[in-house]
Amino acid sequence: MIFTGTSFQLGVDVYLSDRALISPYLHYFEADALQGVHKLGTFTLLYQRNFGVGIPKRFYMAAGLALQYRYDERYYWYGYQDRLLTLPAYRLGYRIHLRKMVICPELSATGPYIYNRGKSTELFTLPSVGVRVFRGETNRRL
């Protein structure tokens, strides 16, 4: 099944250098469907690399691990499923610098998840398209 809806993400960027950072964050998604409820809570730890020449380094890519709690309640199953997964995680984005803020459109995803003894695969368990917004940075932190 595919669920769509609004999700929320809260995290921190810890800079290691001008081009590299560690980014831990929490991501929550919940969807009510005709057949039931679907909830995902994900803690992710990413290593991010900023690319570009000179200042600013606008394009970035990140990879890491995610710990994902997943809860599904389907009325036609007369029950629920919950599971805790460890998955690879990815992020791809671009920085747009405005006067006092930075806006970053980005794509995030976790997965793949293989189940049914290798017979079934979810390519992405939580694909996400979003925008990160934060206060403007000095030239050193790009």
N, C-alpha and C. Protein backbone atom coordinates (compact mmCIF):
# COMPACT_ATOMS: atom_id res chain seq x y z
N MET A 1 0.82 -1.18 0.00
CA MET A 1 0.00 0.00 0.00
C MET A 1 0.87 1.25 0.00
N ILE A 2 0.33 2.29 -0.52
CA ILE A 2 1.01 3.58 -0.52
C ILE A 2 0.15 4.57 0.26
N PHE A 3 0.76 5.22 1.22
CA PHE A 3 0.10 6.25 2.01
C PHE A 3 0.75 7.59 1.70
N THR A 4 -0.04 8.64 1.62
CA THR A 4 0.51 9.98 1.45
C THR A 4 -0.02 10.87 2.56
N GLY A 5 0.75 11.87 2.91
CA GLY A 5 0.32 12.79 3.96
C GLY A 5 1.46 13.65 4.42
N THR A 6 1.18 14.44 5.41
CA THR A 6 2.16 15.37 5.98
C THR A 6 2.99 14.65 7.03
N SER A 7 4.27 14.96 7.06
CA SER A 7 5.14 14.41 8.10
C SER A 7 5.90 15.55 8.74
N PHE A 8 6.50 15.27 9.89
CA PHE A 8 7.25 16.28 10.63
C PHE A 8 8.63 15.75 10.94
N GLN A 9 9.62 16.62 10.86
CA GLN A 9 11.00 16.24 11.09
C GLN A 9 11.65 17.29 11.98
N LEU A 10 12.43 16.83 12.96
CA LEU A 10 13.15 17.72 13.86
C LEU A 10 14.56 17.17 14.02
N GLY A 11 15.57 18.01 13.76
CA GLY A 11 16.93 17.52 13.85
C GLY A 11 17.94 18.62 14.09
N VAL A 12 19.21 18.23 14.10
CA VAL A 12 20.32 19.13 14.36
C VAL A 12 21.42 18.79 13.35
N ASP A 13 22.16 19.82 12.91
CA ASP A 13 23.34 19.60 12.09
C ASP A 13 24.57 19.92 12.93
N VAL A 14 25.49 18.95 13.04
CA VAL A 14 26.73 19.13 13.78
C VAL A 14 27.86 19.13 12.76
N TYR A 15 28.46 20.32 12.55
CA TYR A 15 29.49 20.46 11.53
C TYR A 15 30.81 19.86 11.98
N LEU A 16 31.42 19.05 11.10
CA LEU A 16 32.74 18.49 11.31
C LEU A 16 33.79 19.34 10.59
N SER A 17 33.38 19.93 9.46
CA SER A 17 34.22 20.82 8.66
C SER A 17 33.28 21.66 7.80
N ASP A 18 33.85 22.47 6.89
CA ASP A 18 33.00 23.26 5.99
C ASP A 18 32.20 22.40 5.03
N ARG A 19 32.67 21.22 4.75
CA ARG A 19 32.01 20.36 3.77
C ARG A 19 31.30 19.15 4.38
N ALA A 20 31.54 18.82 5.62
CA ALA A 20 30.99 17.60 6.20
C ALA A 20 30.27 17.88 7.51
N LEU A 21 29.20 17.12 7.75
CA LEU A 21 28.47 17.25 9.00
C LEU A 21 27.78 15.95 9.34
N ILE A 22 27.41 15.83 10.61
CA ILE A 22 26.61 14.71 11.11
C ILE A 22 25.22 15.29 11.37
N SER A 23 24.19 14.58 10.95
CA SER A 23 22.83 15.10 11.05
C SER A 23 21.89 14.06 11.67
N PRO A 24 21.69 14.10 13.00
CA PRO A 24 20.67 13.24 13.61
C PRO A 24 19.30 13.94 13.55
N TYR A 25 18.24 13.16 13.30
CA TYR A 25 16.90 13.75 13.31
C TYR A 25 15.83 12.70 13.58
N LEU A 26 14.68 13.19 14.02
CA LEU A 26 13.48 12.37 14.22
C LEU A 26 12.48 12.75 13.14
N HIS A 27 11.82 11.75 12.59
CA HIS A 27 10.84 11.96 11.52
C HIS A 27 9.58 11.19 11.90
N TYR A 28 8.43 11.86 11.89
CA TYR A 28 7.16 11.21 12.25
C TYR A 28 6.16 11.36 11.11
N PHE A 29 5.50 10.25 10.78
CA PHE A 29 4.49 10.24 9.73
C PHE A 29 3.30 9.42 10.20
N GLU A 30 2.11 9.93 9.96
CA GLU A 30 0.89 9.21 10.31
C GLU A 30 -0.14 9.43 9.22
N ALA A 31 -0.84 8.36 8.83
CA ALA A 31 -1.87 8.46 7.80
C ALA A 31 -3.07 7.63 8.21
N ASP A 32 -4.25 8.23 8.10
CA ASP A 32 -5.50 7.50 8.29
C ASP A 32 -6.02 7.13 6.92
N ALA A 33 -6.27 5.86 6.72
CA ALA A 33 -6.77 5.39 5.44
C ALA A 33 -8.13 4.74 5.67
N LEU A 34 -8.81 4.45 4.60
CA LEU A 34 -10.11 3.80 4.72
C LEU A 34 -10.00 2.44 5.42
N GLN A 35 -8.88 1.78 5.23
CA GLN A 35 -8.72 0.45 5.82
C GLN A 35 -8.05 0.46 7.18
N GLY A 36 -7.60 1.62 7.70
CA GLY A 36 -6.94 1.60 9.00
C GLY A 36 -6.01 2.76 9.21
N VAL A 37 -5.03 2.54 10.10
CA VAL A 37 -4.09 3.57 10.50
C VAL A 37 -2.67 3.09 10.21
N HIS A 38 -1.82 4.00 9.76
CA HIS A 38 -0.42 3.69 9.46
C HIS A 38 0.43 4.76 10.13
N LYS A 39 1.39 4.35 10.99
CA LYS A 39 2.26 5.30 11.70
C LYS A 39 3.72 4.86 11.55
N LEU A 40 4.58 5.85 11.36
CA LEU A 40 6.02 5.60 11.29
C LEU A 40 6.74 6.63 12.15
N GLY A 41 7.62 6.17 13.01
CA GLY A 41 8.51 7.03 13.77
C GLY A 41 9.93 6.60 13.47
N THR A 42 10.77 7.52 13.02
CA THR A 42 12.11 7.16 12.56
C THR A 42 13.16 8.05 13.22
N PHE A 43 14.18 7.42 13.80
CA PHE A 43 15.37 8.15 14.25
C PHE A 43 16.46 7.84 13.24
N THR A 44 17.06 8.88 12.68
CA THR A 44 18.07 8.71 11.63
C THR A 44 19.35 9.45 12.00
N LEU A 45 20.48 8.84 11.68
CA LEU A 45 21.78 9.45 11.85
C LEU A 45 22.49 9.41 10.50
N LEU A 46 22.75 10.60 9.93
CA LEU A 46 23.34 10.70 8.60
C LEU A 46 24.70 11.38 8.64
N TYR A 47 25.57 10.98 7.73
CA TYR A 47 26.81 11.69 7.46
C TYR A 47 26.57 12.44 6.15
N GLN A 48 26.68 13.77 6.18
CA GLN A 48 26.37 14.60 5.02
C GLN A 48 27.63 15.24 4.47
N ARG A 49 27.71 15.31 3.16
CA ARG A 49 28.83 15.94 2.46
C ARG A 49 28.28 17.03 1.56
N ASN A 50 28.83 18.24 1.67
CA ASN A 50 28.43 19.38 0.83
C ASN A 50 29.39 19.47 -0.35
N PHE A 51 28.84 19.68 -1.54
CA PHE A 51 29.65 19.71 -2.76
C PHE A 51 29.57 21.08 -3.40
N GLY A 52 30.56 21.42 -4.18
CA GLY A 52 30.60 22.68 -4.90
C GLY A 52 32.00 23.25 -4.85
N VAL A 53 32.21 24.28 -5.63
CA VAL A 53 33.51 24.93 -5.69
C VAL A 53 33.39 26.29 -5.03
N GLY A 54 34.32 26.61 -4.14
CA GLY A 54 34.30 27.91 -3.48
C GLY A 54 33.14 28.03 -2.52
N ILE A 55 32.70 29.28 -2.34
CA ILE A 55 31.58 29.55 -1.44
C ILE A 55 30.43 30.03 -2.30
N PRO A 56 29.25 29.54 -2.17
CA PRO A 56 28.79 28.51 -1.23
C PRO A 56 28.83 27.11 -1.83
N LYS A 57 28.86 26.13 -0.96
CA LYS A 57 28.78 24.72 -1.36
C LYS A 57 27.32 24.33 -1.20
N ARG A 58 26.57 24.37 -2.27
CA ARG A 58 25.12 24.29 -2.18
C ARG A 58 24.53 22.88 -2.28
N PHE A 59 25.06 22.04 -3.11
CA PHE A 59 24.51 20.70 -3.31
C PHE A 59 25.02 19.78 -2.21
N TYR A 60 24.14 18.93 -1.66
CA TYR A 60 24.60 18.00 -0.62
C TYR A 60 23.95 16.63 -0.76
N MET A 61 24.68 15.63 -0.29
CA MET A 61 24.21 14.25 -0.25
C MET A 61 24.57 13.69 1.12
N ALA A 62 23.71 12.79 1.63
CA ALA A 62 23.95 12.20 2.94
C ALA A 62 23.52 10.73 2.92
N ALA A 63 24.18 9.93 3.76
CA ALA A 63 23.83 8.53 3.92
C ALA A 63 24.08 8.14 5.37
N GLY A 64 23.34 7.14 5.84
CA GLY A 64 23.51 6.68 7.22
C GLY A 64 22.54 5.57 7.55
N LEU A 65 22.19 5.48 8.83
CA LEU A 65 21.29 4.43 9.32
C LEU A 65 20.06 5.04 9.97
N ALA A 66 18.96 4.31 9.87
CA ALA A 66 17.71 4.73 10.49
C ALA A 66 17.16 3.58 11.34
N LEU A 67 16.61 3.94 12.49
CA LEU A 67 15.89 3.01 13.34
C LEU A 67 14.43 3.41 13.23
N GLN A 68 13.61 2.53 12.66
CA GLN A 68 12.24 2.90 12.32
C GLN A 68 11.23 2.01 13.04
N TYR A 69 10.32 2.66 13.79
CA TYR A 69 9.20 1.95 14.41
C TYR A 69 8.00 2.13 13.50
N ARG A 70 7.38 1.02 13.17
CA ARG A 70 6.29 1.02 12.21
C ARG A 70 5.07 0.35 12.83
N TYR A 71 3.91 0.99 12.73
CA TYR A 71 2.67 0.46 13.28
C TYR A 71 1.60 0.51 12.19
N ASP A 72 0.98 -0.63 11.92
CA ASP A 72 -0.12 -0.72 10.95
C ASP A 72 -1.32 -1.37 11.61
N GLU A 73 -2.45 -0.73 11.51
CA GLU A 73 -3.71 -1.32 11.97
C GLU A 73 -4.66 -1.32 10.79
N ARG A 74 -5.00 -2.50 10.32
CA ARG A 74 -5.89 -2.62 9.16
C ARG A 74 -7.17 -3.29 9.62
N TYR A 75 -8.29 -2.68 9.31
CA TYR A 75 -9.56 -3.19 9.77
C TYR A 75 -9.90 -4.54 9.14
N TYR A 76 -9.48 -4.77 7.92
CA TYR A 76 -9.79 -6.06 7.30
C TYR A 76 -8.90 -7.18 7.82
N TRP A 77 -7.78 -6.85 8.54
CA TRP A 77 -6.98 -7.88 9.18
C TRP A 77 -7.52 -8.24 10.57
N TYR A 78 -8.37 -7.40 11.11
CA TYR A 78 -8.86 -7.54 12.49
C TYR A 78 -7.69 -7.59 13.47
N GLY A 79 -6.75 -6.72 13.27
CA GLY A 79 -5.60 -6.70 14.16
C GLY A 79 -4.62 -5.63 13.73
N TYR A 80 -3.38 -5.78 14.21
CA TYR A 80 -2.36 -4.78 13.91
C TYR A 80 -1.02 -5.47 13.76
N GLN A 81 -0.08 -4.73 13.19
CA GLN A 81 1.31 -5.16 13.09
C GLN A 81 2.17 -4.02 13.60
N ASP A 82 3.17 -4.34 14.39
CA ASP A 82 4.16 -3.33 14.74
C ASP A 82 5.53 -3.98 14.67
N ARG A 83 6.52 -3.20 14.25
CA ARG A 83 7.87 -3.75 14.09
C ARG A 83 8.89 -2.63 14.20
N LEU A 84 10.07 -3.01 14.60
CA LEU A 84 11.19 -2.10 14.72
C LEU A 84 12.25 -2.54 13.71
N LEU A 85 12.63 -1.64 12.81
CA LEU A 85 13.53 -1.96 11.71
C LEU A 85 14.79 -1.12 11.78
N THR A 86 15.91 -1.66 11.33
CA THR A 86 17.13 -0.90 11.10
C THR A 86 17.35 -0.89 9.60
N LEU A 87 17.42 0.32 9.03
CA LEU A 87 17.46 0.48 7.58
C LEU A 87 18.52 1.48 7.16
N PRO A 88 19.00 1.40 5.92
CA PRO A 88 19.84 2.47 5.39
C PRO A 88 18.98 3.71 5.13
N ALA A 89 19.58 4.89 5.22
CA ALA A 89 18.85 6.14 5.00
C ALA A 89 19.68 7.05 4.09
N TYR A 90 18.97 7.90 3.34
CA TYR A 90 19.61 8.76 2.35
C TYR A 90 18.95 10.14 2.35
N ARG A 91 19.71 11.15 1.92
CA ARG A 91 19.17 12.49 1.76
C ARG A 91 19.94 13.19 0.63
N LEU A 92 19.22 13.96 -0.17
CA LEU A 92 19.79 14.69 -1.30
C LEU A 92 19.12 16.06 -1.32
N GLY A 93 19.91 17.14 -1.39
CA GLY A 93 19.30 18.46 -1.34
C GLY A 93 20.16 19.54 -1.95
N TYR A 94 19.60 20.75 -1.94
CA TYR A 94 20.26 21.91 -2.52
C TYR A 94 19.94 23.12 -1.65
N ARG A 95 20.95 23.92 -1.30
CA ARG A 95 20.78 25.10 -0.45
C ARG A 95 20.49 26.34 -1.29
N ILE A 96 19.47 27.08 -0.88
CA ILE A 96 19.14 28.36 -1.49
C ILE A 96 19.30 29.41 -0.40
N HIS A 97 20.30 30.27 -0.54
CA HIS A 97 20.61 31.27 0.48
C HIS A 97 19.82 32.54 0.22
N LEU A 98 19.05 32.95 1.19
CA LEU A 98 18.35 34.23 1.15
C LEU A 98 19.01 35.15 2.15
N ARG A 99 18.47 36.30 2.39
CA ARG A 99 19.15 37.27 3.28
C ARG A 99 19.44 36.72 4.66
N LYS A 100 18.43 36.31 5.39
CA LYS A 100 18.64 35.86 6.76
C LYS A 100 18.24 34.41 6.99
N MET A 101 17.99 33.68 5.91
CA MET A 101 17.61 32.28 6.07
C MET A 101 18.13 31.45 4.91
N VAL A 102 18.12 30.15 5.13
CA VAL A 102 18.53 29.19 4.11
C VAL A 102 17.36 28.23 3.92
N ILE A 103 16.99 28.01 2.68
CA ILE A 103 15.91 27.09 2.34
C ILE A 103 16.53 25.94 1.54
N CYS A 104 16.20 24.72 1.94
CA CYS A 104 16.79 23.54 1.29
C CYS A 104 15.71 22.58 0.82
N PRO A 105 15.33 22.61 -0.46
CA PRO A 105 14.46 21.54 -0.95
C PRO A 105 15.26 20.24 -0.98
N GLU A 106 14.63 19.14 -0.54
CA GLU A 106 15.38 17.90 -0.46
C GLU A 106 14.50 16.67 -0.63
N LEU A 107 15.16 15.58 -0.96
CA LEU A 107 14.55 14.25 -1.04
C LEU A 107 15.20 13.40 0.03
N SER A 108 14.39 12.69 0.81
CA SER A 108 14.90 11.78 1.84
C SER A 108 14.25 10.43 1.64
N ALA A 109 14.92 9.37 2.05
CA ALA A 109 14.34 8.03 1.93
C ALA A 109 15.03 7.08 2.90
N THR A 110 14.28 6.05 3.31
CA THR A 110 14.84 4.93 4.06
C THR A 110 14.50 3.66 3.29
N GLY A 111 15.38 2.70 3.34
CA GLY A 111 15.11 1.44 2.67
C GLY A 111 16.32 0.98 1.88
N PRO A 112 16.30 -0.17 1.32
CA PRO A 112 15.18 -1.09 1.14
C PRO A 112 14.95 -1.96 2.37
N TYR A 113 13.74 -2.51 2.43
CA TYR A 113 13.36 -3.44 3.49
C TYR A 113 12.93 -4.75 2.82
N ILE A 114 13.62 -5.84 3.14
CA ILE A 114 13.34 -7.14 2.53
C ILE A 114 12.65 -8.01 3.57
N TYR A 115 11.54 -8.63 3.19
CA TYR A 115 10.78 -9.46 4.12
C TYR A 115 10.22 -10.67 3.40
N ASN A 116 9.43 -11.50 4.09
CA ASN A 116 8.91 -12.77 3.57
C ASN A 116 10.05 -13.69 3.12
N ARG A 117 11.09 -13.75 3.96
CA ARG A 117 12.26 -14.59 3.70
C ARG A 117 12.89 -14.30 2.34
N GLY A 118 12.97 -13.01 2.00
CA GLY A 118 13.63 -12.60 0.77
C GLY A 118 12.74 -12.58 -0.46
N LYS A 119 11.44 -12.88 -0.31
CA LYS A 119 10.53 -12.93 -1.45
C LYS A 119 9.90 -11.58 -1.77
N SER A 120 9.90 -10.66 -0.80
CA SER A 120 9.26 -9.35 -1.01
C SER A 120 10.22 -8.24 -0.59
N THR A 121 10.14 -7.12 -1.29
CA THR A 121 11.02 -5.99 -1.01
C THR A 121 10.24 -4.69 -1.12
N GLU A 122 10.40 -3.82 -0.11
CA GLU A 122 9.95 -2.44 -0.22
C GLU A 122 11.19 -1.64 -0.56
N LEU A 123 11.21 -1.01 -1.71
CA LEU A 123 12.39 -0.26 -2.12
C LEU A 123 12.65 0.89 -1.16
N PHE A 124 11.61 1.66 -0.83
CA PHE A 124 11.71 2.73 0.15
C PHE A 124 10.56 2.59 1.14
N THR A 125 10.86 2.56 2.44
CA THR A 125 9.81 2.47 3.44
C THR A 125 9.25 3.83 3.79
N LEU A 126 10.04 4.90 3.61
CA LEU A 126 9.57 6.25 3.91
C LEU A 126 10.23 7.25 2.96
N PRO A 127 9.77 7.31 1.71
CA PRO A 127 10.27 8.38 0.83
C PRO A 127 9.63 9.70 1.23
N SER A 128 10.38 10.77 1.15
CA SER A 128 9.88 12.06 1.61
C SER A 128 10.44 13.19 0.75
N VAL A 129 9.57 14.10 0.35
CA VAL A 129 9.96 15.31 -0.35
C VAL A 129 9.62 16.45 0.58
N GLY A 130 10.59 17.32 0.84
CA GLY A 130 10.33 18.39 1.80
C GLY A 130 11.26 19.57 1.64
N VAL A 131 11.12 20.49 2.57
CA VAL A 131 11.93 21.70 2.59
C VAL A 131 12.43 21.90 4.02
N ARG A 132 13.74 22.05 4.16
CA ARG A 132 14.33 22.42 5.45
C ARG A 132 14.55 23.93 5.42
N VAL A 133 14.23 24.59 6.52
CA VAL A 133 14.41 26.03 6.63
C VAL A 133 15.18 26.30 7.91
N PHE A 134 16.23 27.13 7.81
CA PHE A 134 16.96 27.50 9.01
C PHE A 134 17.55 28.89 8.83
N ARG A 135 17.98 29.45 9.96
CA ARG A 135 18.55 30.79 9.99
C ARG A 135 19.82 30.84 9.17
N GLY A 136 20.10 31.97 8.55
CA GLY A 136 21.29 32.15 7.71
C GLY A 136 22.56 31.82 8.44
N GLU A 137 23.58 31.41 7.67
CA GLU A 137 24.85 30.97 8.22
C GLU A 137 25.95 31.94 7.84
N THR A 138 27.06 31.86 8.54
CA THR A 138 28.23 32.64 8.14
C THR A 138 28.85 31.98 6.93
N ASN A 139 29.79 32.65 6.28
CA ASN A 139 30.45 32.06 5.11
C ASN A 139 31.21 30.80 5.44
N ARG A 140 31.63 30.63 6.67
CA ARG A 140 32.38 29.44 7.06
C ARG A 140 31.49 28.20 7.04
N ARG A 141 30.25 28.32 7.42
CA ARG A 141 29.35 27.18 7.56
C ARG A 141 28.43 27.07 6.35
N LEU A 142 28.95 26.56 5.25
CA LEU A 142 28.13 26.42 4.05
C LEU A 142 28.15 25.00 3.59
